[in-house]
PDB file of all heavy atoms in Angstrom:
ATOM      1  N   GLY A   1      -4.041   0.133   0.440  1.00  0.00           N
ATOM      2  CA  GLY A   1      -4.987   1.242   0.178  1.00  0.00           C
ATOM      3  C   GLY A   1      -5.190   1.382  -1.327  1.00  0.00           C
ATOM      4  O   GLY A   1      -4.966   2.474  -1.868  1.00  0.00           O
ATOM      5  N   ILE A   2      -5.650   0.314  -1.990  1.00  0.00           N
ATOM      6  CA  ILE A   2      -5.913   0.368  -3.401  1.00  0.00           C
ATOM      7  C   ILE A   2      -7.386   0.113  -3.635  1.00  0.00           C
ATOM      8  O   ILE A   2      -7.901  -0.916  -3.241  1.00  0.00           O
ATOM      9  CB  ILE A   2      -5.055  -0.688  -4.199  1.00  0.00           C
ATOM     10  CG1 ILE A   2      -3.609  -0.545  -3.876  1.00  0.00           C
ATOM     11  CG2 ILE A   2      -5.321  -0.568  -5.689  1.00  0.00           C
ATOM     12  CD1 ILE A   2      -2.765  -1.626  -4.526  1.00  0.00           C
ATOM     13  N   TYR A   3      -8.020   1.072  -4.318  1.00  0.00           N
ATOM     14  CA  TYR A   3      -9.462   0.967  -4.648  1.00  0.00           C
ATOM     15  C   TYR A   3      -9.696   1.350  -6.076  1.00  0.00           C
ATOM     16  O   TYR A   3      -9.036   2.200  -6.594  1.00  0.00           O
ATOM     17  CB  TYR A   3     -10.268   1.917  -3.717  1.00  0.00           C
ATOM     18  CG  TYR A   3     -10.049   1.693  -2.247  1.00  0.00           C
ATOM     19  CD1 TYR A   3      -9.072   2.418  -1.580  1.00  0.00           C
ATOM     20  CD2 TYR A   3     -10.766   0.749  -1.571  1.00  0.00           C
ATOM     21  CE1 TYR A   3      -8.804   2.175  -0.217  1.00  0.00           C
ATOM     22  CE2 TYR A   3     -10.555   0.533  -0.198  1.00  0.00           C
ATOM     23  CZ  TYR A   3      -9.590   1.274   0.461  1.00  0.00           C
ATOM     24  OH  TYR A   3      -9.352   1.049   1.800  1.00  0.00           O
ATOM     25  N   THR A   4     -10.721   0.683  -6.689  1.00  0.00           N
ATOM     26  CA  THR A   4     -11.068   1.067  -8.039  1.00  0.00           C
ATOM     27  C   THR A   4     -12.548   0.629  -8.256  1.00  0.00           C
ATOM     28  O   THR A   4     -13.123  -0.059  -7.487  1.00  0.00           O
ATOM     29  CB  THR A   4     -10.155   0.395  -9.065  1.00  0.00           C
ATOM     30  OG1 THR A   4     -10.416   0.934 -10.389  1.00  0.00           O
ATOM     31  CG2 THR A   4     -10.266  -1.115  -9.073  1.00  0.00           C
ATOM     32  N   GLN A   5     -13.106   1.127  -9.389  1.00  0.00           N
ATOM     33  CA  GLN A   5     -14.468   0.845  -9.753  1.00  0.00           C
ATOM     34  C   GLN A   5     -14.555   0.529 -11.259  1.00  0.00           C
ATOM     35  O   GLN A   5     -13.671   0.874 -11.991  1.00  0.00           O
ATOM     36  CB  GLN A   5     -15.372   2.033  -9.455  1.00  0.00           C
ATOM     37  CG  GLN A   5     -15.428   2.409  -8.019  1.00  0.00           C
ATOM     38  CD  GLN A   5     -16.315   3.656  -7.778  1.00  0.00           C
ATOM     39  OE1 GLN A   5     -16.377   4.520  -8.638  1.00  0.00           O
ATOM     40  NE2 GLN A   5     -16.959   3.721  -6.631  1.00  0.00           N
ATOM     41  N   GLY A   6     -15.658  -0.117 -11.620  1.00  0.00           N
ATOM     42  CA  GLY A   6     -15.905  -0.405 -13.043  1.00  0.00           C
ATOM     43  C   GLY A   6     -17.343  -0.722 -13.283  1.00  0.00           C
ATOM     44  O   GLY A   6     -18.062  -1.139 -12.344  1.00  0.00           O
ATOM     45  N   ASP A   7     -17.809  -0.546 -14.478  1.00  0.00           N
ATOM     46  CA  ASP A   7     -19.207  -0.794 -14.836  1.00  0.00           C
ATOM     47  C   ASP A   7     -19.478  -2.238 -15.171  1.00  0.00           C
ATOM     48  O   ASP A   7     -20.647  -2.669 -15.140  1.00  0.00           O
ATOM     49  CB  ASP A   7     -19.618   0.091 -15.996  1.00  0.00           C
ATOM     50  CG  ASP A   7     -19.683   1.572 -15.627  1.00  0.00           C
ATOM     51  OD1 ASP A   7     -19.987   1.874 -14.430  1.00  0.00           O
ATOM     52  OD2 ASP A   7     -19.411   2.437 -16.495  1.00  0.00           O
ATOM     53  N   SER A   8     -18.493  -3.032 -15.563  1.00  0.00           N
ATOM     54  CA  SER A   8     -18.685  -4.402 -15.950  1.00  0.00           C
ATOM     55  C   SER A   8     -17.578  -5.242 -15.346  1.00  0.00           C
ATOM     56  O   SER A   8     -16.581  -4.748 -14.834  1.00  0.00           O
ATOM     57  CB  SER A   8     -18.651  -4.548 -17.455  1.00  0.00           C
ATOM     58  OG  SER A   8     -17.349  -4.227 -17.970  1.00  0.00           O
ATOM     59  N   VAL A   9     -17.708  -6.590 -15.420  1.00  0.00           N
ATOM     60  CA  VAL A   9     -16.700  -7.461 -14.903  1.00  0.00           C
ATOM     61  C   VAL A   9     -15.404  -7.272 -15.698  1.00  0.00           C
ATOM     62  O   VAL A   9     -14.318  -7.266 -15.082  1.00  0.00           O
ATOM     63  CB  VAL A   9     -17.170  -8.935 -14.988  1.00  0.00           C
ATOM     64  CG1 VAL A   9     -16.047  -9.916 -14.650  1.00  0.00           C
ATOM     65  CG2 VAL A   9     -18.346  -9.141 -14.092  1.00  0.00           C
ATOM     66  N   GLU A  10     -15.516  -7.136 -17.004  1.00  0.00           N
ATOM     67  CA  GLU A  10     -14.306  -6.931 -17.824  1.00  0.00           C
ATOM     68  C   GLU A  10     -13.558  -5.639 -17.414  1.00  0.00           C
ATOM     69  O   GLU A  10     -12.363  -5.582 -17.317  1.00  0.00           O
ATOM     70  CB  GLU A  10     -14.653  -6.863 -19.320  1.00  0.00           C
ATOM     71  CG  GLU A  10     -15.172  -8.155 -19.833  1.00  0.00           C
ATOM     72  CD  GLU A  10     -16.644  -8.438 -19.554  1.00  0.00           C
ATOM     73  OE1 GLU A  10     -17.349  -7.496 -19.199  1.00  0.00           O
ATOM     74  OE2 GLU A  10     -17.021  -9.648 -19.615  1.00  0.00           O
ATOM     75  N   GLU A  11     -14.394  -4.588 -17.162  1.00  0.00           N
ATOM     76  CA  GLU A  11     -13.777  -3.304 -16.796  1.00  0.00           C
ATOM     77  C   GLU A  11     -13.151  -3.328 -15.426  1.00  0.00           C
ATOM     78  O   GLU A  11     -12.037  -2.745 -15.198  1.00  0.00           O
ATOM     79  CB  GLU A  11     -14.849  -2.191 -16.855  1.00  0.00           C
ATOM     80  CG  GLU A  11     -14.260  -0.804 -16.648  1.00  0.00           C
ATOM     81  CD  GLU A  11     -15.283   0.326 -16.769  1.00  0.00           C
ATOM     82  OE1 GLU A  11     -16.515   0.044 -16.854  1.00  0.00           O
ATOM     83  OE2 GLU A  11     -14.828   1.479 -16.787  1.00  0.00           O
ATOM     84  N   ILE A  12     -13.753  -4.028 -14.470  1.00  0.00           N
ATOM     85  CA  ILE A  12     -13.187  -4.113 -13.129  1.00  0.00           C
ATOM     86  C   ILE A  12     -11.907  -4.881 -13.157  1.00  0.00           C
ATOM     87  O   ILE A  12     -10.891  -4.577 -12.497  1.00  0.00           O
ATOM     88  CB  ILE A  12     -14.183  -4.660 -12.063  1.00  0.00           C
ATOM     89  CG1 ILE A  12     -13.705  -4.311 -10.689  1.00  0.00           C
ATOM     90  CG2 ILE A  12     -14.362  -6.151 -12.148  1.00  0.00           C
ATOM     91  CD1 ILE A  12     -13.756  -2.873 -10.320  1.00  0.00           C
ATOM     92  N   ARG A  13     -11.809  -5.900 -13.983  1.00  0.00           N
ATOM     93  CA  ARG A  13     -10.532  -6.682 -14.114  1.00  0.00           C
ATOM     94  C   ARG A  13      -9.440  -5.788 -14.676  1.00  0.00           C
ATOM     95  O   ARG A  13      -8.293  -5.766 -14.133  1.00  0.00           O
ATOM     96  CB  ARG A  13     -10.708  -7.863 -15.045  1.00  0.00           C
ATOM     97  CG  ARG A  13     -11.557  -8.965 -14.426  1.00  0.00           C
ATOM     98  CD  ARG A  13     -11.776 -10.101 -15.391  1.00  0.00           C
ATOM     99  NE  ARG A  13     -12.518 -11.187 -14.794  1.00  0.00           N
ATOM    100  CZ  ARG A  13     -13.375 -11.938 -15.453  1.00  0.00           C
ATOM    101  NH1 ARG A  13     -13.570 -11.764 -16.764  1.00  0.00           N
ATOM    102  NH2 ARG A  13     -14.018 -12.906 -14.845  1.00  0.00           N
ATOM    103  N   SER A  14      -9.721  -5.022 -15.681  1.00  0.00           N
ATOM    104  CA  SER A  14      -8.765  -4.119 -16.273  1.00  0.00           C
ATOM    105  C   SER A  14      -8.371  -3.034 -15.298  1.00  0.00           C
ATOM    106  O   SER A  14      -7.161  -2.684 -15.152  1.00  0.00           O
ATOM    107  CB  SER A  14      -9.355  -3.466 -17.555  1.00  0.00           C
ATOM    108  OG  SER A  14      -8.496  -2.527 -18.074  1.00  0.00           O
ATOM    109  N   ASN A  15      -9.362  -2.479 -14.588  1.00  0.00           N
ATOM    110  CA  ASN A  15      -9.055  -1.395 -13.616  1.00  0.00           C
ATOM    111  C   ASN A  15      -8.210  -1.878 -12.427  1.00  0.00           C
ATOM    112  O   ASN A  15      -7.388  -1.156 -11.909  1.00  0.00           O
ATOM    113  CB  ASN A  15     -10.349  -0.765 -13.126  1.00  0.00           C
ATOM    114  CG  ASN A  15     -11.017   0.052 -14.236  1.00  0.00           C
ATOM    115  OD1 ASN A  15     -10.415   0.273 -15.303  1.00  0.00           O
ATOM    116  ND2 ASN A  15     -12.232   0.501 -14.003  1.00  0.00           N
ATOM    117  N   VAL A  16      -8.412  -3.128 -12.020  1.00  0.00           N
ATOM    118  CA  VAL A  16      -7.627  -3.709 -10.951  1.00  0.00           C
ATOM    119  C   VAL A  16      -6.174  -3.804 -11.396  1.00  0.00           C
ATOM    120  O   VAL A  16      -5.253  -3.391 -10.635  1.00  0.00           O
ATOM    121  CB  VAL A  16      -8.180  -5.086 -10.525  1.00  0.00           C
ATOM    122  CG1 VAL A  16      -7.155  -5.858  -9.703  1.00  0.00           C
ATOM    123  CG2 VAL A  16      -9.449  -4.934  -9.719  1.00  0.00           C
ATOM    124  N   LYS A  17      -5.920  -4.266 -12.575  1.00  0.00           N
ATOM    125  CA  LYS A  17      -4.515  -4.365 -13.071  1.00  0.00           C
ATOM    126  C   LYS A  17      -3.867  -2.946 -13.154  1.00  0.00           C
ATOM    127  O   LYS A  17      -2.743  -2.764 -12.764  1.00  0.00           O
ATOM    128  CB  LYS A  17      -4.505  -5.016 -14.431  1.00  0.00           C
ATOM    129  CG  LYS A  17      -4.741  -6.493 -14.424  1.00  0.00           C
ATOM    130  CD  LYS A  17      -4.630  -7.021 -15.846  1.00  0.00           C
ATOM    131  CE  LYS A  17      -4.861  -8.507 -15.920  1.00  0.00           C
ATOM    132  NZ  LYS A  17      -4.721  -8.973 -17.342  1.00  0.00           N
ATOM    133  N   GLU A  18      -4.676  -2.022 -13.670  1.00  0.00           N
ATOM    134  CA  GLU A  18      -4.149  -0.630 -13.763  1.00  0.00           C
ATOM    135  C   GLU A  18      -3.848  -0.057 -12.414  1.00  0.00           C
ATOM    136  O   GLU A  18      -2.859   0.641 -12.230  1.00  0.00           O
ATOM    137  CB  GLU A  18      -5.181   0.221 -14.507  1.00  0.00           C
ATOM    138  CG  GLU A  18      -4.680   1.611 -14.767  1.00  0.00           C
ATOM    139  CD  GLU A  18      -5.704   2.437 -15.540  1.00  0.00           C
ATOM    140  OE1 GLU A  18      -6.562   1.904 -16.211  1.00  0.00           O
ATOM    141  OE2 GLU A  18      -5.587   3.699 -15.421  1.00  0.00           O
ATOM    142  N   ALA A  19      -4.775  -0.266 -11.429  1.00  0.00           N
ATOM    143  CA  ALA A  19      -4.559   0.266 -10.104  1.00  0.00           C
ATOM    144  C   ALA A  19      -3.280  -0.330  -9.452  1.00  0.00           C
ATOM    145  O   ALA A  19      -2.562   0.402  -8.777  1.00  0.00           O
ATOM    146  CB  ALA A  19      -5.779  -0.030  -9.208  1.00  0.00           C
ATOM    147  N   VAL A  20      -3.059  -1.594  -9.637  1.00  0.00           N
ATOM    148  CA  VAL A  20      -1.861  -2.222  -9.070  1.00  0.00           C
ATOM    149  C   VAL A  20      -0.611  -1.612  -9.746  1.00  0.00           C
ATOM    150  O   VAL A  20       0.378  -1.312  -9.070  1.00  0.00           O
ATOM    151  CB  VAL A  20      -1.914  -3.754  -9.262  1.00  0.00           C
ATOM    152  CG1 VAL A  20      -0.547  -4.418  -8.911  1.00  0.00           C
ATOM    153  CG2 VAL A  20      -3.013  -4.356  -8.361  1.00  0.00           C
ATOM    154  N   ASP A  21      -0.642  -1.462 -11.097  1.00  0.00           N
ATOM    155  CA  ASP A  21       0.502  -0.825 -11.766  1.00  0.00           C
ATOM    156  C   ASP A  21       0.798   0.569 -11.239  1.00  0.00           C
ATOM    157  O   ASP A  21       1.927   0.960 -11.093  1.00  0.00           O
ATOM    158  CB  ASP A  21       0.229  -0.768 -13.244  1.00  0.00           C
ATOM    159  CG  ASP A  21       0.383  -2.111 -13.940  1.00  0.00           C
ATOM    160  OD1 ASP A  21       1.037  -2.998 -13.360  1.00  0.00           O
ATOM    161  OD2 ASP A  21      -0.137  -2.282 -15.049  1.00  0.00           O
ATOM    162  N   CYS A  22      -0.274   1.337 -10.989  1.00  0.00           N
ATOM    163  CA  CYS A  22      -0.103   2.711 -10.465  1.00  0.00           C
ATOM    164  C   CYS A  22       0.395   2.744  -9.052  1.00  0.00           C
ATOM    165  O   CYS A  22       1.143   3.667  -8.674  1.00  0.00           O
ATOM    166  CB  CYS A  22      -1.415   3.466 -10.593  1.00  0.00           C
ATOM    167  SG  CYS A  22      -1.931   3.823 -12.271  1.00  0.00           S
ATOM    168  N   TYR A  23       0.047   1.764  -8.264  1.00  0.00           N
ATOM    169  CA  TYR A  23       0.433   1.737  -6.833  1.00  0.00           C
ATOM    170  C   TYR A  23       1.900   1.443  -6.630  1.00  0.00           C
ATOM    171  O   TYR A  23       2.560   2.061  -5.755  1.00  0.00           O
ATOM    172  CB  TYR A  23      -0.409   0.653  -6.138  1.00  0.00           C
ATOM    173  CG  TYR A  23      -0.181   0.598  -4.616  1.00  0.00           C
ATOM    174  CD1 TYR A  23      -0.805   1.479  -3.800  1.00  0.00           C
ATOM    175  CD2 TYR A  23       0.623  -0.420  -4.110  1.00  0.00           C
ATOM    176  CE1 TYR A  23      -0.637   1.415  -2.423  1.00  0.00           C
ATOM    177  CE2 TYR A  23       0.783  -0.494  -2.715  1.00  0.00           C
ATOM    178  CZ  TYR A  23       0.173   0.402  -1.889  1.00  0.00           C
ATOM    179  OH  TYR A  23       0.360   0.326  -0.534  1.00  0.00           O
ATOM    180  N   PHE A  24       2.483   0.562  -7.461  1.00  0.00           N
ATOM    181  CA  PHE A  24       3.868   0.151  -7.233  1.00  0.00           C
ATOM    182  C   PHE A  24       4.780   0.979  -8.107  1.00  0.00           C
ATOM    183  O   PHE A  24       4.586   1.101  -9.328  1.00  0.00           O
ATOM    184  CB  PHE A  24       4.025  -1.316  -7.557  1.00  0.00           C
ATOM    185  CG  PHE A  24       3.423  -2.199  -6.504  1.00  0.00           C
ATOM    186  CD1 PHE A  24       2.140  -2.690  -6.713  1.00  0.00           C
ATOM    187  CD2 PHE A  24       4.110  -2.510  -5.395  1.00  0.00           C
ATOM    188  CE1 PHE A  24       1.563  -3.496  -5.773  1.00  0.00           C
ATOM    189  CE2 PHE A  24       3.519  -3.341  -4.406  1.00  0.00           C
ATOM    190  CZ  PHE A  24       2.275  -3.854  -4.589  1.00  0.00           C
ATOM    191  N   GLU A  25       5.793   1.552  -7.527  1.00  0.00           N
ATOM    192  CA  GLU A  25       6.835   2.273  -8.266  1.00  0.00           C
ATOM    193  C   GLU A  25       7.718   1.276  -8.977  1.00  0.00           C
ATOM    194  O   GLU A  25       7.714   0.056  -8.678  1.00  0.00           O
ATOM    195  CB  GLU A  25       7.663   3.125  -7.325  1.00  0.00           C
ATOM    196  CG  GLU A  25       6.830   4.203  -6.626  1.00  0.00           C
ATOM    197  CD  GLU A  25       7.665   5.011  -5.670  1.00  0.00           C
ATOM    198  OE1 GLU A  25       8.911   4.897  -5.616  1.00  0.00           O
ATOM    199  OE2 GLU A  25       7.066   5.809  -4.928  1.00  0.00           O
ATOM    200  N   ASP A  26       8.519   1.736  -9.908  1.00  0.00           N
ATOM    201  CA  ASP A  26       9.366   0.856 -10.734  1.00  0.00           C
ATOM    202  C   ASP A  26      10.352   0.076  -9.831  1.00  0.00           C
ATOM    203  O   ASP A  26      10.728  -1.021 -10.213  1.00  0.00           O
ATOM    204  CB  ASP A  26      10.137   1.642 -11.741  1.00  0.00           C
ATOM    205  CG  ASP A  26       9.231   2.241 -12.793  1.00  0.00           C
ATOM    206  OD1 ASP A  26       8.175   1.697 -13.035  1.00  0.00           O
ATOM    207  OD2 ASP A  26       9.589   3.230 -13.415  1.00  0.00           O
ATOM    208  N   THR A  27      10.751   0.625  -8.723  1.00  0.00           N
ATOM    209  CA  THR A  27      11.746  -0.068  -7.883  1.00  0.00           C
ATOM    210  C   THR A  27      11.129  -1.039  -6.888  1.00  0.00           C
ATOM    211  O   THR A  27      11.833  -1.799  -6.252  1.00  0.00           O
ATOM    212  CB  THR A  27      12.588   0.945  -7.106  1.00  0.00           C
ATOM    213  OG1 THR A  27      11.705   1.752  -6.319  1.00  0.00           O
ATOM    214  CG2 THR A  27      13.350   1.854  -8.063  1.00  0.00           C
ATOM    215  N   MET A  28       9.825  -1.046  -6.777  1.00  0.00           N
ATOM    216  CA  MET A  28       9.113  -1.896  -5.808  1.00  0.00           C
ATOM    217  C   MET A  28       8.795  -3.264  -6.437  1.00  0.00           C
ATOM    218  O   MET A  28       8.516  -3.365  -7.624  1.00  0.00           O
ATOM    219  CB  MET A  28       7.809  -1.244  -5.365  1.00  0.00           C
ATOM    220  CG  MET A  28       8.027   0.069  -4.583  1.00  0.00           C
ATOM    221  SD  MET A  28       6.518   0.944  -4.243  1.00  0.00           S
ATOM    222  CE  MET A  28       5.797  -0.108  -2.997  1.00  0.00           C
ATOM    223  N   ALA A  29       8.848  -4.294  -5.586  1.00  0.00           N
ATOM    224  CA  ALA A  29       8.458  -5.620  -6.079  1.00  0.00           C
ATOM    225  C   ALA A  29       6.951  -5.690  -6.248  1.00  0.00           C
ATOM    226  O   ALA A  29       6.180  -5.307  -5.367  1.00  0.00           O
ATOM    227  CB  ALA A  29       8.927  -6.683  -5.032  1.00  0.00           C
ATOM    228  N   ARG A  30       6.525  -6.097  -7.414  1.00  0.00           N
ATOM    229  CA  ARG A  30       5.087  -6.184  -7.727  1.00  0.00           C
ATOM    230  C   ARG A  30       4.605  -7.608  -7.516  1.00  0.00           C
ATOM    231  O   ARG A  30       5.357  -8.608  -7.626  1.00  0.00           O
ATOM    232  CB  ARG A  30       4.832  -5.838  -9.225  1.00  0.00           C
ATOM    233  CG  ARG A  30       5.208  -4.424  -9.512  1.00  0.00           C
ATOM    234  CD  ARG A  30       5.187  -4.161 -10.998  1.00  0.00           C
ATOM    235  NE  ARG A  30       5.584  -2.824 -11.309  1.00  0.00           N
ATOM    236  CZ  ARG A  30       4.752  -1.838 -11.582  1.00  0.00           C
ATOM    237  NH1 ARG A  30       3.474  -2.117 -11.662  1.00  0.00           N
ATOM    238  NH2 ARG A  30       5.192  -0.620 -11.809  1.00  0.00           N
ATOM    239  N   PRO A  31       3.291  -7.772  -7.214  1.00  0.00           N
ATOM    240  CA  PRO A  31       2.757  -9.120  -7.069  1.00  0.00           C
ATOM    241  C   PRO A  31       2.746  -9.874  -8.404  1.00  0.00           C
ATOM    242  O   PRO A  31       2.555  -9.278  -9.453  1.00  0.00           O
ATOM    243  CB  PRO A  31       1.325  -8.871  -6.563  1.00  0.00           C
ATOM    244  CG  PRO A  31       0.986  -7.503  -7.009  1.00  0.00           C
ATOM    245  CD  PRO A  31       2.278  -6.744  -7.043  1.00  0.00           C
ATOM    246  N   LYS A  32       2.933 -11.193  -8.338  1.00  0.00           N
ATOM    247  CA  LYS A  32       2.905 -12.002  -9.551  1.00  0.00           C
ATOM    248  C   LYS A  32       1.503 -12.435  -9.850  1.00  0.00           C
ATOM    249  O   LYS A  32       1.185 -12.706 -11.013  1.00  0.00           O
ATOM    250  CB  LYS A  32       3.851 -13.176  -9.355  1.00  0.00           C
ATOM    251  CG  LYS A  32       5.318 -12.795  -9.204  1.00  0.00           C
ATOM    252  CD  LYS A  32       6.183 -13.995  -9.054  1.00  0.00           C
ATOM    253  CE  LYS A  32       7.520 -13.541  -8.591  1.00  0.00           C
ATOM    254  NZ  LYS A  32       8.553 -13.563  -9.477  1.00  0.00           N
ATOM    255  N   LEU A  33       0.663 -12.559  -8.862  1.00  0.00           N
ATOM    256  CA  LEU A  33      -0.714 -12.989  -9.037  1.00  0.00           C
ATOM    257  C   LEU A  33      -1.669 -11.945  -8.386  1.00  0.00           C
ATOM    258  O   LEU A  33      -1.319 -11.408  -7.312  1.00  0.00           O
ATOM    259  CB  LEU A  33      -0.969 -14.365  -8.437  1.00  0.00           C
ATOM    260  CG  LEU A  33      -0.173 -15.516  -8.982  1.00  0.00           C
ATOM    261  CD1 LEU A  33      -0.414 -16.741  -8.103  1.00  0.00           C
ATOM    262  CD2 LEU A  33      -0.570 -15.800 -10.432  1.00  0.00           C
ATOM    263  N   ILE A  34      -2.805 -11.779  -8.957  1.00  0.00           N
ATOM    264  CA  ILE A  34      -3.846 -10.886  -8.389  1.00  0.00           C
ATOM    265  C   ILE A  34      -5.154 -11.660  -8.305  1.00  0.00           C
ATOM    266  O   ILE A  34      -5.981 -11.577  -9.250  1.00  0.00           O
ATOM    267  CB  ILE A  34      -4.011  -9.620  -9.245  1.00  0.00           C
ATOM    268  CG1 ILE A  34      -2.673  -8.899  -9.409  1.00  0.00           C
ATOM    269  CG2 ILE A  34      -5.020  -8.647  -8.520  1.00  0.00           C
ATOM    270  CD1 ILE A  34      -2.733  -7.729 -10.396  1.00  0.00           C
ATOM    271  N   PRO A  35      -5.381 -12.446  -7.244  1.00  0.00           N
ATOM    272  CA  PRO A  35      -6.694 -13.120  -7.139  1.00  0.00           C
ATOM    273  C   PRO A  35      -7.793 -12.085  -6.896  1.00  0.00           C
ATOM    274  O   PRO A  35      -7.625 -11.164  -6.102  1.00  0.00           O
ATOM    275  CB  PRO A  35      -6.501 -14.000  -5.877  1.00  0.00           C
ATOM    276  CG  PRO A  35      -5.015 -14.126  -5.707  1.00  0.00           C
ATOM    277  CD  PRO A  35      -4.442 -12.866  -6.217  1.00  0.00           C
ATOM    278  N   VAL A  36      -8.878 -12.271  -7.595  1.00  0.00           N
ATOM    279  CA  VAL A  36     -10.036 -11.344  -7.491  1.00  0.00           C
ATOM    280  C   VAL A  36     -11.208 -12.164  -6.982  1.00  0.00           C
ATOM    281  O   VAL A  36     -11.682 -13.092  -7.699  1.00  0.00           O
ATOM    282  CB  VAL A  36     -10.374 -10.660  -8.837  1.00  0.00           C
ATOM    283  CG1 VAL A  36     -11.534  -9.818  -8.727  1.00  0.00           C
ATOM    284  CG2 VAL A  36      -9.136  -9.891  -9.356  1.00  0.00           C
ATOM    285  N   HIS A  37     -11.671 -11.823  -5.796  1.00  0.00           N
ATOM    286  CA  HIS A  37     -12.797 -12.553  -5.202  1.00  0.00           C
ATOM    287  C   HIS A  37     -14.077 -11.719  -5.257  1.00  0.00           C
ATOM    288  O   HIS A  37     -14.070 -10.586  -4.738  1.00  0.00           O
ATOM    289  CB  HIS A  37     -12.475 -12.857  -3.692  1.00  0.00           C
ATOM    290  CG  HIS A  37     -11.317 -13.801  -3.544  1.00  0.00           C
ATOM    291  ND1 HIS A  37     -11.440 -15.154  -3.553  1.00  0.00           N
ATOM    292  CD2 HIS A  37     -10.028 -13.535  -3.362  1.00  0.00           C
ATOM    293  CE1 HIS A  37     -10.259 -15.712  -3.424  1.00  0.00           C
ATOM    294  NE2 HIS A  37      -9.344 -14.726  -3.295  1.00  0.00           N
ATOM    295  N   PHE A  38     -15.075 -12.275  -5.918  1.00  0.00           N
ATOM    296  CA  PHE A  38     -16.370 -11.581  -6.006  1.00  0.00           C
ATOM    297  C   PHE A  38     -17.198 -11.917  -4.790  1.00  0.00           C
ATOM    298  O   PHE A  38     -17.447 -13.115  -4.505  1.00  0.00           O
ATOM    299  CB  PHE A  38     -17.098 -11.951  -7.281  1.00  0.00           C
ATOM    300  CG  PHE A  38     -16.461 -11.332  -8.488  1.00  0.00           C
ATOM    301  CD1 PHE A  38     -15.378 -11.925  -9.105  1.00  0.00           C
ATOM    302  CD2 PHE A  38     -16.971 -10.143  -9.004  1.00  0.00           C
ATOM    303  CE1 PHE A  38     -14.802 -11.308 -10.223  1.00  0.00           C
ATOM    304  CE2 PHE A  38     -16.384  -9.557 -10.111  1.00  0.00           C
ATOM    305  CZ  PHE A  38     -15.278 -10.171 -10.725  1.00  0.00           C
ATOM    306  N   VAL A  39     -17.537 -10.879  -3.986  1.00  0.00           N
ATOM    307  CA  VAL A  39     -18.277 -11.043  -2.762  1.00  0.00           C
ATOM    308  C   VAL A  39     -19.719 -10.684  -3.008  1.00  0.00           C
ATOM    309  O   VAL A  39     -20.062  -9.662  -3.562  1.00  0.00           O
ATOM    310  CB  VAL A  39     -17.693 -10.124  -1.665  1.00  0.00           C
ATOM    311  CG1 VAL A  39     -18.428 -10.271  -0.332  1.00  0.00           C
ATOM    312  CG2 VAL A  39     -16.218 -10.363  -1.481  1.00  0.00           C
ATOM    313  N   ARG A  40     -20.597 -11.580  -2.568  1.00  0.00           N
ATOM    314  CA  ARG A  40     -21.999 -11.343  -2.737  1.00  0.00           C
ATOM    315  C   ARG A  40     -22.726 -11.492  -1.449  1.00  0.00           C
ATOM    316  O   ARG A  40     -22.693 -12.562  -0.801  1.00  0.00           O
ATOM    317  CB  ARG A  40     -22.608 -12.365  -3.737  1.00  0.00           C
ATOM    318  CG  ARG A  40     -24.001 -12.178  -4.019  1.00  0.00           C
ATOM    319  CD  ARG A  40     -24.511 -13.164  -5.060  1.00  0.00           C
ATOM    320  NE  ARG A  40     -25.922 -13.363  -4.902  1.00  0.00           N
ATOM    321  CZ  ARG A  40     -26.580 -14.394  -5.358  1.00  0.00           C
ATOM    322  NH1 ARG A  40     -25.957 -15.342  -5.986  1.00  0.00           N
ATOM    323  NH2 ARG A  40     -27.841 -14.490  -5.125  1.00  0.00           N
TER     324      ARG A  40
END
C-alpha cells in the first residue's frame, strides 16, 4: 500500500525512495532494489 506522485521523472524517483523509507520502520527489512516500471 505505497503510493506517491511527482511532477517530473526526477521527482517521482525521489518520491518513490522517500515513500519506501517512510513505509518501513527501522526494525523492518528494507528492499535492496526498487525497480520502477513506466507504464504507458
